[in-house]
Full PDB file with SEQRES, HELIX, SHEET, SSBOND, CRYST1, ORIGX, SCALE, CONECT and MASTER records, all heavy atoms in Angstrom:
SEQRES   1 A   31  ASN ALA LYS ASN THR VAL SER LEU GLN MET ASN SER LEU          
SEQRES   2 A   31  LYS PRO GLU ASP THR ALA VAL TYR TYR CYS ASN ALA ASP          
SEQRES   3 A   31  LEU ARG SER THR LEU                                          
HELIX    1 AA1 PRO A   15  ASP A   17  5                                   3    
CRYST1    1.000    1.000    1.000  90.00  90.00  90.00 P 1           1          
ORIGX1      1.000000  0.000000  0.000000        0.00000                         
ORIGX2      0.000000  1.000000  0.000000        0.00000                         
ORIGX3      0.000000  0.000000  1.000000        0.00000                         
SCALE1      1.000000  0.000000  0.000000        0.00000                         
SCALE2      0.000000  1.000000  0.000000        0.00000                         
SCALE3      0.000000  0.000000  1.000000        0.00000                         
ATOM      1  N   ASN A   1     302.965 188.394 132.376  1.00  0.00           N  
ATOM      2  CA  ASN A   1     302.075 189.537 132.545  1.00  0.00           C  
ATOM      3  C   ASN A   1     301.475 190.016 131.222  1.00  0.00           C  
ATOM      4  O   ASN A   1     300.328 190.468 131.180  1.00  0.00           O  
ATOM      5  CB  ASN A   1     302.822 190.690 133.212  1.00  0.00           C  
ATOM      6  CG  ASN A   1     303.185 190.398 134.649  1.00  0.00           C  
ATOM      7  OD1 ASN A   1     302.564 189.553 135.301  1.00  0.00           O  
ATOM      8  ND2 ASN A   1     304.183 191.103 135.165  1.00  0.00           N  
ATOM      9  N   ALA A   2     302.248 189.922 130.157  1.00  0.00           N  
ATOM     10  CA  ALA A   2     301.767 190.379 128.861  1.00  0.00           C  
ATOM     11  C   ALA A   2     300.595 189.550 128.362  1.00  0.00           C  
ATOM     12  O   ALA A   2     299.729 190.054 127.646  1.00  0.00           O  
ATOM     13  CB  ALA A   2     302.897 190.363 127.839  1.00  0.00           C  
ATOM     14  N   LYS A   3     300.571 188.272 128.735  1.00  0.00           N  
ATOM     15  CA  LYS A   3     299.510 187.376 128.287  1.00  0.00           C  
ATOM     16  C   LYS A   3     298.466 187.103 129.361  1.00  0.00           C  
ATOM     17  O   LYS A   3     297.522 186.346 129.122  1.00  0.00           O  
ATOM     18  CB  LYS A   3     300.108 186.058 127.811  1.00  0.00           C  
ATOM     19  CG  LYS A   3     301.037 186.192 126.611  1.00  0.00           C  
ATOM     20  CD  LYS A   3     301.573 184.840 126.178  1.00  0.00           C  
ATOM     21  CE  LYS A   3     302.471 184.969 124.964  1.00  0.00           C  
ATOM     22  NZ  LYS A   3     303.004 183.653 124.533  1.00  0.00           N  
ATOM     23  N   ASN A   4     298.645 187.692 130.537  1.00  0.00           N  
ATOM     24  CA  ASN A   4     297.728 187.458 131.660  1.00  0.00           C  
ATOM     25  C   ASN A   4     297.578 185.974 131.969  1.00  0.00           C  
ATOM     26  O   ASN A   4     296.468 185.462 132.151  1.00  0.00           O  
ATOM     27  CB  ASN A   4     296.362 188.084 131.383  1.00  0.00           C  
ATOM     28  CG  ASN A   4     296.391 189.593 131.385  1.00  0.00           C  
ATOM     29  OD1 ASN A   4     297.231 190.212 132.038  1.00  0.00           O  
ATOM     30  ND2 ASN A   4     295.469 190.210 130.663  1.00  0.00           N  
ATOM     31  N   THR A   5     298.701 185.285 132.013  1.00  0.00           N  
ATOM     32  CA  THR A   5     298.694 183.865 132.312  1.00  0.00           C  
ATOM     33  C   THR A   5     299.587 183.561 133.501  1.00  0.00           C  
ATOM     34  O   THR A   5     300.530 184.293 133.799  1.00  0.00           O  
ATOM     35  CB  THR A   5     299.162 183.025 131.112  1.00  0.00           C  
ATOM     36  OG1 THR A   5     300.506 183.387 130.768  1.00  0.00           O  
ATOM     37  CG2 THR A   5     298.259 183.246 129.910  1.00  0.00           C  
ATOM     38  N   VAL A   6     299.277 182.465 134.161  1.00  0.00           N  
ATOM     39  CA  VAL A   6     300.091 181.964 135.250  1.00  0.00           C  
ATOM     40  C   VAL A   6     300.208 180.457 135.083  1.00  0.00           C  
ATOM     41  O   VAL A   6     299.258 179.800 134.644  1.00  0.00           O  
ATOM     42  CB  VAL A   6     299.486 182.332 136.623  1.00  0.00           C  
ATOM     43  CG1 VAL A   6     298.130 181.663 136.825  1.00  0.00           C  
ATOM     44  CG2 VAL A   6     300.435 181.961 137.751  1.00  0.00           C  
ATOM     45  N   SER A   7     301.380 179.927 135.410  1.00  0.00           N  
ATOM     46  CA  SER A   7     301.624 178.496 135.271  1.00  0.00           C  
ATOM     47  C   SER A   7     302.169 177.943 136.570  1.00  0.00           C  
ATOM     48  O   SER A   7     302.769 178.659 137.368  1.00  0.00           O  
ATOM     49  CB  SER A   7     302.602 178.216 134.137  1.00  0.00           C  
ATOM     50  OG  SER A   7     302.080 178.621 132.887  1.00  0.00           O  
ATOM     51  N   LEU A   8     301.961 176.663 136.766  1.00  0.00           N  
ATOM     52  CA  LEU A   8     302.482 175.962 137.933  1.00  0.00           C  
ATOM     53  C   LEU A   8     303.160 174.691 137.455  1.00  0.00           C  
ATOM     54  O   LEU A   8     302.486 173.763 136.988  1.00  0.00           O  
ATOM     55  CB  LEU A   8     301.363 175.636 138.920  1.00  0.00           C  
ATOM     56  CG  LEU A   8     301.803 174.994 140.230  1.00  0.00           C  
ATOM     57  CD1 LEU A   8     302.581 176.004 141.083  1.00  0.00           C  
ATOM     58  CD2 LEU A   8     300.595 174.471 141.010  1.00  0.00           C  
ATOM     59  N   GLN A   9     304.476 174.669 137.551  1.00  0.00           N  
ATOM     60  CA  GLN A   9     305.241 173.476 137.226  1.00  0.00           C  
ATOM     61  C   GLN A   9     305.329 172.616 138.471  1.00  0.00           C  
ATOM     62  O   GLN A   9     305.852 173.052 139.497  1.00  0.00           O  
ATOM     63  CB  GLN A   9     306.640 173.840 136.733  1.00  0.00           C  
ATOM     64  CG  GLN A   9     307.509 172.646 136.383  1.00  0.00           C  
ATOM     65  CD  GLN A   9     306.992 171.865 135.201  1.00  0.00           C  
ATOM     66  OE1 GLN A   9     306.616 172.451 134.189  1.00  0.00           O  
ATOM     67  NE2 GLN A   9     306.960 170.548 135.321  1.00  0.00           N  
ATOM     68  N   MET A  10     304.819 171.399 138.388  1.00  0.00           N  
ATOM     69  CA  MET A  10     304.771 170.497 139.523  1.00  0.00           C  
ATOM     70  C   MET A  10     305.662 169.303 139.250  1.00  0.00           C  
ATOM     71  O   MET A  10     305.393 168.512 138.341  1.00  0.00           O  
ATOM     72  CB  MET A  10     303.333 170.047 139.797  1.00  0.00           C  
ATOM     73  CG  MET A  10     302.353 171.190 140.006  1.00  0.00           C  
ATOM     74  SD  MET A  10     300.688 170.626 140.469  1.00  0.00           S  
ATOM     75  CE  MET A  10     300.218 169.799 138.948  1.00  0.00           C  
ATOM     76  N   ASN A  11     306.712 169.174 140.031  1.00  0.00           N  
ATOM     77  CA  ASN A  11     307.651 168.068 139.909  1.00  0.00           C  
ATOM     78  C   ASN A  11     307.607 167.205 141.160  1.00  0.00           C  
ATOM     79  O   ASN A  11     307.130 167.620 142.211  1.00  0.00           O  
ATOM     80  CB  ASN A  11     309.071 168.590 139.683  1.00  0.00           C  
ATOM     81  CG  ASN A  11     309.223 169.389 138.414  1.00  0.00           C  
ATOM     82  OD1 ASN A  11     308.588 169.097 137.400  1.00  0.00           O  
ATOM     83  ND2 ASN A  11     310.083 170.402 138.446  1.00  0.00           N  
ATOM     84  N   SER A  12     308.148 166.001 141.036  1.00  0.00           N  
ATOM     85  CA  SER A  12     308.209 165.069 142.163  1.00  0.00           C  
ATOM     86  C   SER A  12     306.865 164.940 142.854  1.00  0.00           C  
ATOM     87  O   SER A  12     306.755 165.022 144.078  1.00  0.00           O  
ATOM     88  CB  SER A  12     309.288 165.515 143.157  1.00  0.00           C  
ATOM     89  OG  SER A  12     310.558 165.598 142.536  1.00  0.00           O  
ATOM     90  N   LEU A  13     305.844 164.728 142.069  1.00  0.00           N  
ATOM     91  CA  LEU A  13     304.490 164.683 142.609  1.00  0.00           C  
ATOM     92  C   LEU A  13     304.302 163.506 143.556  1.00  0.00           C  
ATOM     93  O   LEU A  13     304.859 162.425 143.359  1.00  0.00           O  
ATOM     94  CB  LEU A  13     303.479 164.614 141.473  1.00  0.00           C  
ATOM     95  CG  LEU A  13     303.253 165.948 140.752  1.00  0.00           C  
ATOM     96  CD1 LEU A  13     302.604 165.727 139.400  1.00  0.00           C  
ATOM     97  CD2 LEU A  13     302.397 166.869 141.616  1.00  0.00           C  
ATOM     98  N   LYS A  14     303.502 163.746 144.574  1.00  0.00           N  
ATOM     99  CA  LYS A  14     303.199 162.764 145.597  1.00  0.00           C  
ATOM    100  C   LYS A  14     301.705 162.490 145.630  1.00  0.00           C  
ATOM    101  O   LYS A  14     300.906 163.333 145.212  1.00  0.00           O  
ATOM    102  CB  LYS A  14     303.649 163.270 146.971  1.00  0.00           C  
ATOM    103  CG  LYS A  14     305.116 163.648 147.067  1.00  0.00           C  
ATOM    104  CD  LYS A  14     305.424 164.247 148.429  1.00  0.00           C  
ATOM    105  CE  LYS A  14     306.888 164.635 148.540  1.00  0.00           C  
ATOM    106  NZ  LYS A  14     307.190 165.238 149.869  1.00  0.00           N  
ATOM    107  N   PRO A  15     301.301 161.334 146.137  1.00  0.00           N  
ATOM    108  CA  PRO A  15     299.864 161.047 146.227  1.00  0.00           C  
ATOM    109  C   PRO A  15     299.092 162.120 146.985  1.00  0.00           C  
ATOM    110  O   PRO A  15     297.935 162.397 146.633  1.00  0.00           O  
ATOM    111  CB  PRO A  15     299.823 159.707 146.962  1.00  0.00           C  
ATOM    112  CG  PRO A  15     301.102 159.041 146.579  1.00  0.00           C  
ATOM    113  CD  PRO A  15     302.111 160.158 146.519  1.00  0.00           C  
ATOM    114  N   GLU A  16     299.712 162.731 147.984  1.00  0.00           N  
ATOM    115  CA  GLU A  16     299.032 163.765 148.747  1.00  0.00           C  
ATOM    116  C   GLU A  16     298.829 165.060 147.968  1.00  0.00           C  
ATOM    117  O   GLU A  16     298.159 165.972 148.453  1.00  0.00           O  
ATOM    118  CB  GLU A  16     299.777 164.055 150.060  1.00  0.00           C  
ATOM    119  CG  GLU A  16     301.265 164.275 149.887  1.00  0.00           C  
ATOM    120  CD  GLU A  16     302.080 163.019 150.153  1.00  0.00           C  
ATOM    121  OE1 GLU A  16     301.681 161.937 149.681  1.00  0.00           O  
ATOM    122  OE2 GLU A  16     303.112 163.119 150.839  1.00  0.00           O  
ATOM    123  N   ASP A  17     299.401 165.150 146.768  1.00  0.00           N  
ATOM    124  CA  ASP A  17     299.142 166.286 145.897  1.00  0.00           C  
ATOM    125  C   ASP A  17     297.827 166.139 145.135  1.00  0.00           C  
ATOM    126  O   ASP A  17     297.400 167.079 144.453  1.00  0.00           O  
ATOM    127  CB  ASP A  17     300.279 166.476 144.894  1.00  0.00           C  
ATOM    128  CG  ASP A  17     301.594 166.846 145.560  1.00  0.00           C  
ATOM    129  OD1 ASP A  17     301.577 167.670 146.494  1.00  0.00           O  
ATOM    130  OD2 ASP A  17     302.640 166.321 145.133  1.00  0.00           O  
ATOM    131  N   THR A  18     297.215 164.985 145.224  1.00  0.00           N  
ATOM    132  CA  THR A  18     295.947 164.751 144.544  1.00  0.00           C  
ATOM    133  C   THR A  18     294.892 165.727 145.043  1.00  0.00           C  
ATOM    134  O   THR A  18     294.625 165.815 146.238  1.00  0.00           O  
ATOM    135  CB  THR A  18     295.474 163.307 144.763  1.00  0.00           C  
ATOM    136  OG1 THR A  18     296.410 162.401 144.174  1.00  0.00           O  
ATOM    137  CG2 THR A  18     294.104 163.083 144.133  1.00  0.00           C  
ATOM    138  N   ALA A  19     294.291 166.462 144.122  1.00  0.00           N  
ATOM    139  CA  ALA A  19     293.298 167.472 144.477  1.00  0.00           C  
ATOM    140  C   ALA A  19     292.768 168.111 143.211  1.00  0.00           C  
ATOM    141  O   ALA A  19     293.293 167.892 142.116  1.00  0.00           O  
ATOM    142  CB  ALA A  19     293.917 168.540 145.386  1.00  0.00           C  
ATOM    143  N   VAL A  20     291.740 168.910 143.374  1.00  0.00           N  
ATOM    144  CA  VAL A  20     291.313 169.807 142.314  1.00  0.00           C  
ATOM    145  C   VAL A  20     292.063 171.113 142.502  1.00  0.00           C  
ATOM    146  O   VAL A  20     292.042 171.700 143.588  1.00  0.00           O  
ATOM    147  CB  VAL A  20     289.796 170.045 142.335  1.00  0.00           C  
ATOM    148  CG1 VAL A  20     289.401 171.057 141.268  1.00  0.00           C  
ATOM    149  CG2 VAL A  20     289.057 168.732 142.118  1.00  0.00           C  
ATOM    150  N   TYR A  21     292.722 171.564 141.464  1.00  0.00           N  
ATOM    151  CA  TYR A  21     293.520 172.776 141.518  1.00  0.00           C  
ATOM    152  C   TYR A  21     292.764 173.922 140.861  1.00  0.00           C  
ATOM    153  O   TYR A  21     292.265 173.793 139.743  1.00  0.00           O  
ATOM    154  CB  TYR A  21     294.866 172.565 140.824  1.00  0.00           C  
ATOM    155  CG  TYR A  21     295.828 171.733 141.638  1.00  0.00           C  
ATOM    156  CD1 TYR A  21     295.603 170.382 141.844  1.00  0.00           C  
ATOM    157  CD2 TYR A  21     296.959 172.315 142.213  1.00  0.00           C  
ATOM    158  CE1 TYR A  21     296.471 169.619 142.613  1.00  0.00           C  
ATOM    159  CE2 TYR A  21     297.838 171.563 142.975  1.00  0.00           C  
ATOM    160  CZ  TYR A  21     297.587 170.218 143.171  1.00  0.00           C  
ATOM    161  OH  TYR A  21     298.460 169.464 143.932  1.00  0.00           O  
ATOM    162  N   TYR A  22     292.707 175.052 141.560  1.00  0.00           N  
ATOM    163  CA  TYR A  22     291.957 176.209 141.099  1.00  0.00           C  
ATOM    164  C   TYR A  22     292.873 177.395 140.863  1.00  0.00           C  
ATOM    165  O   TYR A  22     293.705 177.729 141.708  1.00  0.00           O  
ATOM    166  CB  TYR A  22     290.907 176.619 142.135  1.00  0.00           C  
ATOM    167  CG  TYR A  22     289.842 175.583 142.395  1.00  0.00           C  
ATOM    168  CD1 TYR A  22     290.007 174.623 143.378  1.00  0.00           C  
ATOM    169  CD2 TYR A  22     288.657 175.585 141.663  1.00  0.00           C  
ATOM    170  CE1 TYR A  22     289.032 173.679 143.624  1.00  0.00           C  
ATOM    171  CE2 TYR A  22     287.675 174.642 141.904  1.00  0.00           C  
ATOM    172  CZ  TYR A  22     287.865 173.694 142.885  1.00  0.00           C  
ATOM    173  OH  TYR A  22     286.895 172.758 143.136  1.00  0.00           O  
ATOM    174  N   CYS A  23     292.696 178.027 139.741  1.00  0.00           N  
ATOM    175  CA  CYS A  23     293.406 179.263 139.445  1.00  0.00           C  
ATOM    176  C   CYS A  23     292.690 180.429 140.120  1.00  0.00           C  
ATOM    177  O   CYS A  23     291.459 180.460 140.187  1.00  0.00           O  
ATOM    178  CB  CYS A  23     293.467 179.479 137.934  1.00  0.00           C  
ATOM    179  SG  CYS A  23     294.323 180.989 137.416  1.00  0.00           S  
ATOM    180  N   ASN A  24     293.468 181.377 140.601  1.00  0.00           N  
ATOM    181  CA  ASN A  24     292.936 182.537 141.297  1.00  0.00           C  
ATOM    182  C   ASN A  24     293.605 183.801 140.782  1.00  0.00           C  
ATOM    183  O   ASN A  24     294.797 183.800 140.467  1.00  0.00           O  
ATOM    184  CB  ASN A  24     293.178 182.391 142.806  1.00  0.00           C  
ATOM    185  CG  ASN A  24     292.993 183.684 143.568  1.00  0.00           C  
ATOM    186  OD1 ASN A  24     293.932 184.466 143.729  1.00  0.00           O  
ATOM    187  ND2 ASN A  24     291.782 183.912 144.046  1.00  0.00           N  
ATOM    188  N   ALA A  25     292.839 184.874 140.701  1.00  0.00           N  
ATOM    189  CA  ALA A  25     293.399 186.156 140.296  1.00  0.00           C  
ATOM    190  C   ALA A  25     292.765 187.286 141.092  1.00  0.00           C  
ATOM    191  O   ALA A  25     291.539 187.351 141.222  1.00  0.00           O  
ATOM    192  CB  ALA A  25     293.194 186.396 138.803  1.00  0.00           C  
ATOM    193  N   ASP A  26     293.601 188.144 141.634  1.00  0.00           N  
ATOM    194  CA  ASP A  26     293.163 189.396 142.244  1.00  0.00           C  
ATOM    195  C   ASP A  26     293.472 190.491 141.235  1.00  0.00           C  
ATOM    196  O   ASP A  26     294.636 190.717 140.897  1.00  0.00           O  
ATOM    197  CB  ASP A  26     293.895 189.672 143.550  1.00  0.00           C  
ATOM    198  CG  ASP A  26     293.559 188.664 144.624  1.00  0.00           C  
ATOM    199  OD1 ASP A  26     292.398 188.216 144.673  1.00  0.00           O  
ATOM    200  OD2 ASP A  26     294.457 188.338 145.425  1.00  0.00           O  
ATOM    201  N   LEU A  27     292.450 191.158 140.742  1.00  0.00           N  
ATOM    202  CA  LEU A  27     292.673 192.108 139.664  1.00  0.00           C  
ATOM    203  C   LEU A  27     291.761 193.313 139.751  1.00  0.00           C  
ATOM    204  O   LEU A  27     290.778 193.325 140.487  1.00  0.00           O  
ATOM    205  CB  LEU A  27     292.506 191.414 138.305  1.00  0.00           C  
ATOM    206  CG  LEU A  27     291.156 190.752 137.993  1.00  0.00           C  
ATOM    207  CD1 LEU A  27     290.160 191.762 137.440  1.00  0.00           C  
ATOM    208  CD2 LEU A  27     291.358 189.623 136.983  1.00  0.00           C  
ATOM    209  N   ARG A  28     292.125 194.326 138.971  1.00  0.00           N  
ATOM    210  CA  ARG A  28     291.318 195.516 138.834  1.00  0.00           C  
ATOM    211  C   ARG A  28     290.766 195.541 137.419  1.00  0.00           C  
ATOM    212  O   ARG A  28     291.525 195.460 136.453  1.00  0.00           O  
ATOM    213  CB  ARG A  28     292.144 196.768 139.127  1.00  0.00           C  
ATOM    214  CG  ARG A  28     291.339 198.052 139.128  1.00  0.00           C  
ATOM    215  CD  ARG A  28     292.219 199.263 139.441  1.00  0.00           C  
ATOM    216  NE  ARG A  28     292.760 199.211 140.789  1.00  0.00           N  
ATOM    217  CZ  ARG A  28     292.124 199.638 141.876  1.00  0.00           C  
ATOM    218  NH1 ARG A  28     290.893 200.142 141.777  1.00  0.00           N  
ATOM    219  NH2 ARG A  28     292.704 199.559 143.060  1.00  0.00           N  
ATOM    220  N   SER A  29     289.462 195.684 137.308  1.00  0.00           N  
ATOM    221  CA  SER A  29     288.823 195.711 136.003  1.00  0.00           C  
ATOM    222  C   SER A  29     288.986 197.077 135.361  1.00  0.00           C  
ATOM    223  O   SER A  29     289.498 198.023 135.965  1.00  0.00           O  
ATOM    224  CB  SER A  29     287.339 195.365 136.129  1.00  0.00           C  
ATOM    225  OG  SER A  29     286.628 196.436 136.724  1.00  0.00           O  
ATOM    226  N   THR A  30     288.522 197.181 134.130  1.00  0.00           N  
ATOM    227  CA  THR A  30     288.576 198.468 133.435  1.00  0.00           C  
ATOM    228  C   THR A  30     287.644 199.497 134.056  1.00  0.00           C  
ATOM    229  O   THR A  30     287.735 200.680 133.737  1.00  0.00           O  
ATOM    230  CB  THR A  30     288.239 198.287 131.948  1.00  0.00           C  
ATOM    231  OG1 THR A  30     286.985 197.611 131.818  1.00  0.00           O  
ATOM    232  CG2 THR A  30     289.326 197.481 131.256  1.00  0.00           C  
ATOM    233  N   LEU A  31     286.757 199.050 134.936  1.00  0.00           N  
ATOM    234  CA  LEU A  31     285.928 199.958 135.713  1.00  0.00           C  
ATOM    235  C   LEU A  31     286.594 200.331 137.037  1.00  0.00           C  
ATOM    236  O   LEU A  31     285.970 200.979 137.880  1.00  0.00           O  
ATOM    237  CB  LEU A  31     284.561 199.335 135.981  1.00  0.00           C  
ATOM    238  CG  LEU A  31     283.694 199.044 134.752  1.00  0.00           C  
ATOM    239  CD1 LEU A  31     282.402 198.370 135.162  1.00  0.00           C  
ATOM    240  CD2 LEU A  31     283.415 200.320 133.980  1.00  0.00           C  
TER     241      LEU A  31                                                      
MASTER        0    0    0    1    0    0    0    6  240    1    0    3          
END                                                                             
C-alpha cells in the first residue's frame, strides 16, 4: 500500500494460463 503496487506470483504455470494480463485499480483520486 505504501508504494501503490500489486504483484502476482504465478507458480506451476500451465499452457492455459497463456494470456495478456492486465493490472486493474479501483481508486479515489485527489479530487
